[in-house]
Amino acid sequence: MHKDIDLKIENLSKIEGHASLEVKVRNGNVESAKLIVGENKRFYEEAMKGKSFQTIPQMVSRICGTCSIAHLTCASEAIEKALGISLSEQTMTLRKLATMGSMIRDHAMHLYLFVMPDILGKPSVLDFDESQKDLVHDAFHVKGAGNKLATIVAGRAIHATFARVGYFANVPKEKEIKEAIAELKDSRDRILRLLEIVANYTSNFKRKTNYLAIKDKNFAFLEGSIIDAYDNEIKEEEFGKHLKEVVIPYSQSEAYEFYGKEYYVGALARLNVNKGALHKQTRADVKKYLKLFPSDDIYLNNLAQAIEMLHCVDYSIELLENSEFKEEKPPKIVARECEGIGVIEAPRGILYYLLKIKENGLIDFGTLVTPTAQNHIRMENDIRNLVSQILDKPEKEIQHEVEKLIRSYDPCMTCASNFLKIKWI
């Protein structure tokens, strides 16, 4: 092939800002693939300085609408570890439930509204025909179940109000718990239907890379050690020391390498390193799908998310049915000069916070690393490799295949079901 192509997707709408994509092909060689985050920096790390540690979790929850609870939780964990605050068993259970509610709603939005049109060959959910309308109903039922769970536990599904440093200001009532369980049970068959569809959405595009995820015995997203694809273990507090920030000169977003190399975080990584910890009922119902993991097919990130949704439903029902929630007094917190690190699994992968607190309780320094930033380099390399393999296809088909690849990563986007038109120049 001696094809020259300039592929440009402008203004990709993403949760963390606007982005575009430029791919340059000369004489059949892909010379560059640039994922460009174009929105001005929001300087959250600077904004945290001088603020009381008590206000930081609520503040950073505004970073992302869909990952709001993840940012709140990770920042809270960093503060708690810095100040030596021990969580009660009830607080940890509520934190798990809030996180799983967030996972359900976030994965449902991505799979039903963003990915499903690709699978069915439709431009968007608005183009589904009569035989496919049940999938739209399923989308809002499942997403609603996640919202309900997060709301009764944390006060709201977005920008939660009950979750505080070291405790929850409110606990779910018996009537709310029964309603949430009913909605979760109703969503279960819907997720199983989704699994049957998503399981067939694979590709021939596979590329070996490293995967990192938190591994723990309950697949609860909040505790454990970080494990990579080679079974190396990294303690949470050591994670940041292994990362190298990479400046992307054409983008407003940073990127990261692990030991100087690209890597991937997200649902696919979690299934690759920790599938044996899924809820026993989930494992029984998805046994045939679990054989596909570990995998180097990024398109299976979608199946991994669907499996995680079922796990979150099963695990949440178990916790709600076997827990008795009572009002608890807030822990006594004494400010001091200290430093803490929080590491959790957000819907899209590992989220990292480091916070330094001054003696007066104000933040001296804060830094955070998001999943999408960690996946940036691998995503660009995948785009470059994919395009080089499909240069014999028509330009519109190349465009669509690139879009599907990016959507399979589930980067923080606010776009509906497909990107803006590509202008071929």
Protein backbone atom coordinates (compact mmCIF):
# COMPACT_ATOMS: atom_id res chain seq x y z
CA MET A 1 0.00 0.00 0.00
CA HIS A 2 1.24 3.47 -0.93
CA LYS A 3 -1.70 5.39 0.44
CA ASP A 4 -1.47 8.88 1.95
CA ILE A 5 -4.18 9.77 4.48
CA ASP A 6 -4.77 12.63 6.87
CA LEU A 7 -7.44 11.48 9.27
CA LYS A 8 -8.86 14.12 11.59
CA ILE A 9 -11.68 13.86 14.13
CA GLU A 10 -12.39 17.24 15.66
CA ASN A 11 -13.85 18.06 19.07
CA LEU A 12 -14.37 14.65 20.61
CA SER A 13 -16.59 15.43 23.53
CA LYS A 14 -15.15 13.83 26.68
CA ILE A 15 -16.01 13.99 30.36
CA GLU A 16 -12.65 15.53 31.21
CA GLY A 17 -12.63 17.99 28.31
CA HIS A 18 -12.69 18.22 24.55
CA ALA A 19 -10.40 16.08 22.43
CA SER A 20 -9.59 15.39 18.81
CA LEU A 21 -7.66 12.80 16.86
CA GLU A 22 -5.16 13.21 14.06
CA VAL A 23 -3.61 10.29 12.15
CA LYS A 24 -1.01 10.87 9.44
CA VAL A 25 -0.28 8.18 6.83
CA ARG A 26 2.45 8.67 4.24
CA ASN A 27 3.34 6.15 1.54
CA GLY A 28 1.41 3.46 3.41
CA ASN A 29 3.18 4.07 6.73
CA VAL A 30 1.38 5.45 9.79
CA GLU A 31 3.74 8.22 10.81
CA SER A 32 1.75 9.52 13.78
CA ALA A 33 -1.45 9.08 15.77
CA LYS A 34 -2.18 12.00 18.09
CA LEU A 35 -4.97 11.98 20.67
CA ILE A 36 -5.25 15.66 21.51
CA VAL A 37 -7.03 16.88 24.64
CA GLY A 38 -7.76 20.45 23.68
CA GLU A 39 -9.63 22.03 26.60
CA ASN A 40 -7.70 24.39 28.84
CA LYS A 41 -6.24 22.86 31.98
CA ARG A 42 -8.53 23.14 35.00
CA PHE A 43 -5.71 23.18 37.59
CA TYR A 44 -7.42 21.03 40.21
CA GLU A 45 -4.09 20.23 41.81
CA GLU A 46 -3.46 23.96 42.30
CA ALA A 47 -7.05 24.54 43.42
CA MET A 48 -6.63 22.03 46.27
CA LYS A 49 -3.79 23.98 47.85
CA GLY A 50 -4.81 25.94 50.92
CA LYS A 51 -8.19 24.22 51.24
CA SER A 52 -9.25 22.33 54.37
CA PHE A 53 -8.82 18.57 54.05
CA GLN A 54 -12.47 18.21 55.09
CA THR A 55 -13.65 20.00 51.93
CA ILE A 56 -11.37 18.23 49.44
CA PRO A 57 -13.48 15.08 48.75
CA GLN A 58 -16.56 17.11 47.83
CA MET A 59 -14.45 19.48 45.78
CA VAL A 60 -12.72 16.82 43.67
CA SER A 61 -15.99 14.95 43.10
CA ARG A 62 -16.75 17.80 40.67
CA ILE A 63 -13.87 16.72 38.43
CA CYS A 64 -16.03 14.13 36.71
CA GLY A 65 -19.79 13.62 36.57
CA THR A 66 -19.73 9.89 35.90
CA CYS A 67 -16.75 9.14 38.18
CA SER A 68 -17.81 11.54 40.92
CA ILE A 69 -18.00 8.93 43.68
CA ALA A 70 -14.63 7.48 42.66
CA HIS A 71 -12.85 10.83 43.07
CA LEU A 72 -14.60 11.52 46.36
CA THR A 73 -13.72 8.06 47.69
CA CYS A 74 -10.08 8.08 46.58
CA ALA A 75 -9.43 11.53 48.06
CA SER A 76 -11.12 10.47 51.31
CA GLU A 77 -8.89 7.38 51.48
CA ALA A 78 -5.76 9.48 51.00
CA ILE A 79 -6.80 11.80 53.84
CA GLU A 80 -7.73 8.91 56.14
CA LYS A 81 -4.41 7.19 55.60
CA ALA A 82 -2.55 10.45 56.18
CA LEU A 83 -4.33 11.12 59.48
CA GLY A 84 -4.44 7.51 60.65
CA ILE A 85 -8.24 7.27 60.61
CA SER A 86 -9.55 3.70 60.87
CA LEU A 87 -12.86 2.94 59.18
CA SER A 88 -15.60 0.94 60.84
CA GLU A 89 -16.81 -2.21 59.14
CA GLN A 90 -20.11 -0.45 58.38
CA THR A 91 -18.39 2.53 56.76
CA MET A 92 -16.35 0.19 54.57
CA THR A 93 -19.50 -1.69 53.56
CA LEU A 94 -21.28 1.55 52.65
CA ARG A 95 -18.24 2.67 50.66
CA LYS A 96 -18.26 -0.60 48.73
CA LEU A 97 -21.98 -0.24 47.99
CA ALA A 98 -21.60 3.35 46.79
CA THR A 99 -18.72 2.32 44.53
CA MET A 100 -20.65 -0.62 43.06
CA GLY A 101 -23.66 1.60 42.40
CA SER A 102 -21.36 3.94 40.51
CA MET A 103 -19.86 1.03 38.56
CA ILE A 104 -23.30 -0.23 37.50
CA ARG A 105 -24.55 3.15 36.30
CA ASP A 106 -21.30 4.03 34.52
CA HIS A 107 -20.85 0.69 32.74
CA ALA A 108 -24.55 0.66 31.76
CA MET A 109 -24.26 4.08 30.14
CA HIS A 110 -21.18 3.04 28.19
CA LEU A 111 -22.37 -0.39 27.04
CA TYR A 112 -25.99 0.38 26.21
CA LEU A 113 -25.73 3.93 24.90
CA PHE A 114 -22.22 4.16 23.41
CA VAL A 115 -21.23 0.61 22.38
CA MET A 116 -24.55 -1.06 21.56
CA PRO A 117 -25.08 1.00 18.37
CA ASP A 118 -21.70 -0.25 17.11
CA ILE A 119 -22.69 -3.84 17.82
CA LEU A 120 -26.07 -3.48 16.09
CA GLY A 121 -24.73 -1.41 13.19
CA LYS A 122 -26.76 1.67 14.09
CA PRO A 123 -25.65 5.33 14.26
CA SER A 124 -27.22 5.77 17.72
CA VAL A 125 -29.82 4.40 20.12
CA LEU A 126 -32.30 6.74 18.46
CA ASP A 127 -32.03 4.58 15.36
CA PHE A 128 -32.91 1.29 17.06
CA ASP A 129 -35.83 -0.45 15.39
CA GLU A 130 -38.91 -1.93 17.05
CA SER A 131 -37.21 -5.24 17.77
CA GLN A 132 -34.39 -3.49 19.62
CA LYS A 133 -36.38 -1.10 21.79
CA ASP A 134 -36.22 -3.47 24.78
CA LEU A 135 -32.49 -2.77 24.96
CA VAL A 136 -33.25 0.91 25.55
CA HIS A 137 -35.65 -0.01 28.36
CA ASP A 138 -32.99 -2.33 29.80
CA ALA A 139 -30.46 0.49 29.69
CA PHE A 140 -32.53 2.78 31.87
CA HIS A 141 -33.61 0.01 34.23
CA VAL A 142 -30.04 -1.13 34.86
CA LYS A 143 -28.63 2.39 35.05
CA GLY A 144 -31.50 3.29 37.37
CA ALA A 145 -30.65 0.39 39.68
CA GLY A 146 -27.09 1.69 39.98
CA ASN A 147 -28.34 5.22 40.62
CA LYS A 148 -30.77 3.95 43.26
CA LEU A 149 -28.05 2.04 45.11
CA ALA A 150 -25.63 4.98 45.12
CA THR A 151 -28.38 7.38 46.17
CA ILE A 152 -29.65 5.46 49.21
CA VAL A 153 -26.08 4.92 50.40
CA ALA A 154 -24.31 8.15 49.49
CA GLY A 155 -27.16 10.67 49.18
CA ARG A 156 -26.84 11.21 45.44
CA ALA A 157 -25.53 9.21 42.50
CA ILE A 158 -23.46 12.23 41.44
CA HIS A 159 -21.65 14.52 43.90
CA ALA A 160 -22.67 12.42 46.90
CA THR A 161 -23.60 14.25 50.11
CA PHE A 162 -23.52 11.52 52.80
CA ALA A 163 -19.95 10.29 52.24
CA ARG A 164 -17.50 12.09 54.54
CA VAL A 165 -13.91 11.62 55.65
CA GLY A 166 -14.02 8.58 57.93
CA TYR A 167 -17.77 7.93 58.00
CA PHE A 168 -21.19 8.34 56.36
CA ALA A 169 -23.47 11.09 57.66
CA ASN A 170 -26.56 8.98 56.97
CA VAL A 171 -27.40 5.30 56.59
CA PRO A 172 -29.98 3.68 54.27
CA LYS A 173 -33.39 2.94 55.73
CA GLU A 174 -35.08 -0.48 55.61
CA LYS A 175 -37.65 0.64 53.02
CA GLU A 176 -34.91 2.07 50.78
CA ILE A 177 -32.88 -1.12 51.07
CA LYS A 178 -35.83 -3.29 50.03
CA GLU A 179 -36.51 -1.04 47.04
CA ALA A 180 -32.85 -1.10 45.99
CA ILE A 181 -32.68 -4.90 46.27
CA ALA A 182 -35.82 -5.24 44.14
CA GLU A 183 -34.34 -3.00 41.43
CA LEU A 184 -31.03 -4.85 41.51
CA LYS A 185 -32.77 -8.21 41.16
CA ASP A 186 -34.86 -6.86 38.29
CA SER A 187 -31.70 -5.72 36.50
CA ARG A 188 -30.03 -9.12 36.75
CA ASP A 189 -31.83 -10.82 33.82
CA ARG A 190 -31.35 -7.67 31.77
CA ILE A 191 -27.58 -7.80 32.33
CA LEU A 192 -27.53 -11.49 31.38
CA ARG A 193 -29.22 -10.56 28.08
CA LEU A 194 -26.61 -7.86 27.58
CA LEU A 195 -23.82 -10.38 28.19
CA GLU A 196 -25.10 -12.62 25.38
CA ILE A 197 -24.84 -9.69 22.96
CA VAL A 198 -21.56 -8.15 24.15
CA ALA A 199 -19.76 -11.52 24.30
CA ASN A 200 -19.78 -11.70 20.50
CA TYR A 201 -18.26 -8.23 20.13
CA THR A 202 -14.61 -9.19 19.68
CA SER A 203 -11.93 -8.38 17.15
CA ASN A 204 -8.88 -9.81 15.41
CA PHE A 205 -6.89 -6.87 16.71
CA LYS A 206 -4.78 -8.02 19.64
CA ARG A 207 -1.62 -6.42 20.93
CA LYS A 208 0.42 -7.59 23.91
CA THR A 209 0.83 -5.05 26.69
CA ASN A 210 1.00 -4.84 30.48
CA TYR A 211 -2.15 -4.66 32.60
CA LEU A 212 -2.47 -3.25 36.10
CA ALA A 213 -5.36 -3.65 38.53
CA ILE A 214 -6.11 -3.90 42.22
CA LYS A 215 -6.45 -7.51 43.31
CA ASP A 216 -8.44 -8.43 46.40
CA LYS A 217 -10.44 -11.39 47.60
CA ASN A 218 -13.87 -9.77 47.11
CA PHE A 219 -13.36 -7.84 43.85
CA ALA A 220 -14.57 -4.77 45.75
CA PHE A 221 -12.52 -2.13 43.86
CA LEU A 222 -11.20 -0.47 47.04
CA GLU A 223 -8.60 -2.61 48.80
CA GLY A 224 -5.69 -4.84 47.94
CA SER A 225 -2.38 -4.75 46.13
CA ILE A 226 -1.79 -3.68 42.55
CA ILE A 227 -0.94 -6.64 40.33
CA ASP A 228 0.38 -6.54 36.77
CA ALA A 229 0.09 -9.03 33.91
CA TYR A 230 3.27 -10.79 35.06
CA ASP A 231 1.95 -11.28 38.61
CA ASN A 232 4.25 -8.62 40.06
CA GLU A 233 2.83 -7.00 43.20
CA ILE A 234 3.04 -3.28 43.93
CA LYS A 235 1.81 -1.85 47.22
CA GLU A 236 -0.64 1.02 46.88
CA GLU A 237 1.66 3.47 48.64
CA GLU A 238 4.47 2.58 46.22
CA PHE A 239 2.46 2.85 43.01
CA GLY A 240 3.29 6.46 42.19
CA LYS A 241 7.02 5.76 42.42
CA HIS A 242 6.76 3.38 39.45
CA LEU A 243 4.97 5.87 37.19
CA LYS A 244 6.66 8.30 34.85
CA GLU A 245 4.69 11.33 33.71
CA VAL A 246 5.04 11.89 29.97
CA VAL A 247 4.50 15.33 28.50
CA ILE A 248 2.27 15.30 25.41
CA PRO A 249 3.33 18.50 23.62
CA TYR A 250 0.25 18.65 21.40
CA SER A 251 -2.24 17.95 24.20
CA GLN A 252 -3.41 19.59 27.42
CA SER A 253 -3.46 16.18 29.11
CA GLU A 254 -0.49 14.32 30.55
CA ALA A 255 0.21 10.63 29.99
CA TYR A 256 1.99 7.96 32.04
CA GLU A 257 4.36 5.04 31.62
CA PHE A 258 4.91 2.16 34.04
CA TYR A 259 8.61 1.28 34.28
CA GLY A 260 9.08 3.34 31.13
CA LYS A 261 6.51 1.43 29.07
CA GLU A 262 2.87 1.72 28.05
CA TYR A 263 0.25 -0.09 30.11
CA TYR A 264 -3.50 -0.45 30.47
CA VAL A 265 -5.94 -0.02 33.36
CA GLY A 266 -9.68 -0.75 33.36
CA ALA A 267 -12.23 -3.54 33.46
CA LEU A 268 -10.25 -5.76 31.07
CA ALA A 269 -7.21 -5.47 33.34
CA ARG A 270 -9.31 -6.30 36.40
CA LEU A 271 -10.72 -9.46 34.76
CA ASN A 272 -7.28 -10.42 33.50
CA VAL A 273 -5.70 -10.40 36.98
CA ASN A 274 -8.59 -11.03 39.38
CA LYS A 275 -11.45 -12.96 37.74
CA GLY A 276 -11.33 -15.67 40.42
CA ALA A 277 -12.52 -13.15 43.04
CA LEU A 278 -15.85 -12.42 41.34
CA HIS A 279 -19.00 -13.22 43.33
CA LYS A 280 -19.73 -16.95 43.28
CA GLN A 281 -23.16 -16.45 41.68
CA THR A 282 -21.62 -14.29 38.99
CA ARG A 283 -18.91 -16.86 38.30
CA ALA A 284 -21.53 -19.57 37.92
CA ASP A 285 -23.57 -17.58 35.40
CA VAL A 286 -20.64 -16.27 33.31
CA LYS A 287 -18.48 -19.38 33.40
CA LYS A 288 -18.35 -19.69 29.61
CA TYR A 289 -17.27 -16.06 29.23
CA LEU A 290 -14.54 -16.19 31.88
CA LYS A 291 -12.61 -18.61 29.66
CA LEU A 292 -11.86 -15.66 27.38
CA PHE A 293 -9.74 -13.98 30.06
CA PRO A 294 -6.92 -13.09 30.28
CA SER A 295 -7.05 -11.46 26.87
CA ASP A 296 -5.16 -8.92 24.76
CA ASP A 297 -8.31 -7.96 22.82
CA ILE A 298 -9.25 -4.44 23.95
CA TYR A 299 -12.76 -4.98 22.55
CA LEU A 300 -13.29 -7.48 25.38
CA ASN A 301 -13.15 -4.55 27.78
CA ASN A 302 -16.85 -4.26 26.98
CA LEU A 303 -17.55 -7.85 28.04
CA ALA A 304 -15.44 -7.31 31.16
CA GLN A 305 -17.60 -4.32 32.08
CA ALA A 306 -20.79 -6.34 31.61
CA ILE A 307 -19.42 -9.11 33.87
CA GLU A 308 -18.49 -6.49 36.46
CA MET A 309 -22.04 -5.13 36.38
CA LEU A 310 -23.42 -8.58 37.22
CA HIS A 311 -20.84 -8.99 39.98
CA CYS A 312 -21.77 -5.60 41.47
CA VAL A 313 -25.45 -6.58 41.45
CA ASP A 314 -24.79 -9.92 43.16
CA TYR A 315 -22.33 -8.57 45.70
CA SER A 316 -24.51 -5.55 46.53
CA ILE A 317 -27.57 -7.73 47.10
CA GLU A 318 -25.55 -9.94 49.46
CA LEU A 319 -24.24 -6.96 51.43
CA LEU A 320 -27.67 -5.29 51.67
CA GLU A 321 -29.40 -8.48 52.77
CA ASN A 322 -26.80 -9.32 55.40
CA SER A 323 -26.04 -5.91 56.91
CA GLU A 324 -27.79 -3.98 59.65
CA PHE A 325 -27.02 -0.29 59.35
CA LYS A 326 -27.01 2.02 62.37
CA GLU A 327 -26.12 5.66 62.83
CA GLU A 328 -22.47 6.06 63.80
CA LYS A 329 -20.64 8.94 65.41
CA PRO A 330 -18.03 10.66 63.27
CA PRO A 331 -14.44 9.74 64.19
CA LYS A 332 -12.42 12.28 66.14
CA ILE A 333 -10.02 13.87 63.68
CA VAL A 334 -6.98 15.88 64.72
CA ALA A 335 -5.12 17.73 61.98
CA ARG A 336 -1.35 17.35 61.77
CA GLU A 337 1.40 17.59 59.21
CA CYS A 338 1.23 14.37 57.22
CA GLU A 339 0.96 12.73 53.81
CA GLY A 340 -1.41 10.07 52.51
CA ILE A 341 -2.03 8.08 49.35
CA GLY A 342 -5.35 6.78 48.10
CA VAL A 343 -5.63 4.16 45.35
CA ILE A 344 -8.92 2.66 44.19
CA GLU A 345 -10.47 1.26 41.03
CA ALA A 346 -12.65 3.84 39.31
CA PRO A 347 -14.97 2.52 36.57
CA ARG A 348 -12.26 3.10 33.95
CA GLY A 349 -9.30 1.88 35.99
CA ILE A 350 -6.86 2.75 38.75
CA LEU A 351 -7.29 6.21 40.30
CA TYR A 352 -4.43 7.61 42.40
CA TYR A 353 -4.37 10.50 44.89
CA LEU A 354 -1.47 11.86 46.93
CA LEU A 355 -2.28 14.58 49.46
CA LYS A 356 0.04 16.45 51.83
CA ILE A 357 -1.64 18.13 54.80
CA LYS A 358 -0.17 20.94 56.89
CA GLU A 359 -0.40 21.15 60.67
CA ASN A 360 -3.38 23.52 60.44
CA GLY A 361 -5.37 21.02 58.34
CA LEU A 362 -4.92 22.82 55.03
CA ILE A 363 -3.68 21.05 51.91
CA ASP A 364 -0.05 21.81 51.16
CA PHE A 365 0.16 19.73 47.99
CA GLY A 366 -2.03 17.36 46.03
CA THR A 367 -1.66 15.29 42.89
CA LEU A 368 -3.93 12.82 41.11
CA VAL A 369 -3.57 10.36 38.25
CA THR A 370 -6.68 9.40 36.29
CA PRO A 371 -7.28 6.16 34.35
CA THR A 372 -7.69 7.87 30.98
CA ALA A 373 -4.31 9.60 31.36
CA GLN A 374 -2.72 6.23 32.14
CA ASN A 375 -4.24 4.66 29.02
CA HIS A 376 -3.29 7.56 26.74
CA ILE A 377 -0.04 6.13 25.31
CA ARG A 378 -1.40 2.65 24.71
CA MET A 379 -4.50 4.10 23.07
CA GLU A 380 -2.40 6.09 20.60
CA ASN A 381 -0.21 3.06 19.87
CA ASP A 382 -3.28 0.90 19.30
CA ILE A 383 -4.74 3.45 16.89
CA ARG A 384 -1.45 3.56 14.99
CA ASN A 385 -1.27 -0.23 14.75
CA LEU A 386 -4.92 -0.67 13.83
CA VAL A 387 -4.79 1.86 11.01
CA SER A 388 -1.66 0.23 9.59
CA GLN A 389 -3.54 -3.09 9.38
CA ILE A 390 -6.65 -1.75 7.60
CA LEU A 391 -5.23 0.68 5.04
CA ASP A 392 -6.75 -1.44 2.28
CA LYS A 393 -10.26 -0.57 3.51
CA PRO A 394 -12.34 2.42 2.36
CA GLU A 395 -11.78 5.61 4.32
CA LYS A 396 -15.22 5.55 5.95
CA GLU A 397 -14.59 2.03 7.20
CA ILE A 398 -11.20 3.04 8.61
CA GLN A 399 -12.94 5.90 10.38
CA HIS A 400 -15.54 3.61 11.95
CA GLU A 401 -12.99 1.01 13.04
CA VAL A 402 -10.92 3.70 14.78
CA GLU A 403 -14.04 4.98 16.53
CA LYS A 404 -14.93 1.49 17.73
CA LEU A 405 -11.43 0.96 19.06
CA ILE A 406 -11.48 4.20 21.06
CA ARG A 407 -14.97 3.48 22.40
CA SER A 408 -13.83 0.06 23.59
CA TYR A 409 -11.35 1.80 25.87
CA ASP A 410 -14.25 3.77 27.38
CA PRO A 411 -12.20 6.91 27.95
CA CYS A 412 -14.00 9.67 29.83
CA MET A 413 -16.33 10.92 27.06
CA THR A 414 -19.61 12.78 27.08
CA CYS A 415 -20.31 12.06 23.44
CA ALA A 416 -23.47 10.09 22.77
CA SER A 417 -23.00 7.12 20.51
CA ASN A 418 -20.63 8.19 17.78
CA PHE A 419 -17.97 10.78 17.15
CA LEU A 420 -18.21 13.86 15.02
CA LYS A 421 -17.66 13.45 11.32
CA ILE A 422 -14.11 12.97 10.17
CA LYS A 423 -12.86 15.48 7.64
CA TRP A 424 -10.54 13.75 5.19
CA ILE A 425 -8.00 16.21 3.80
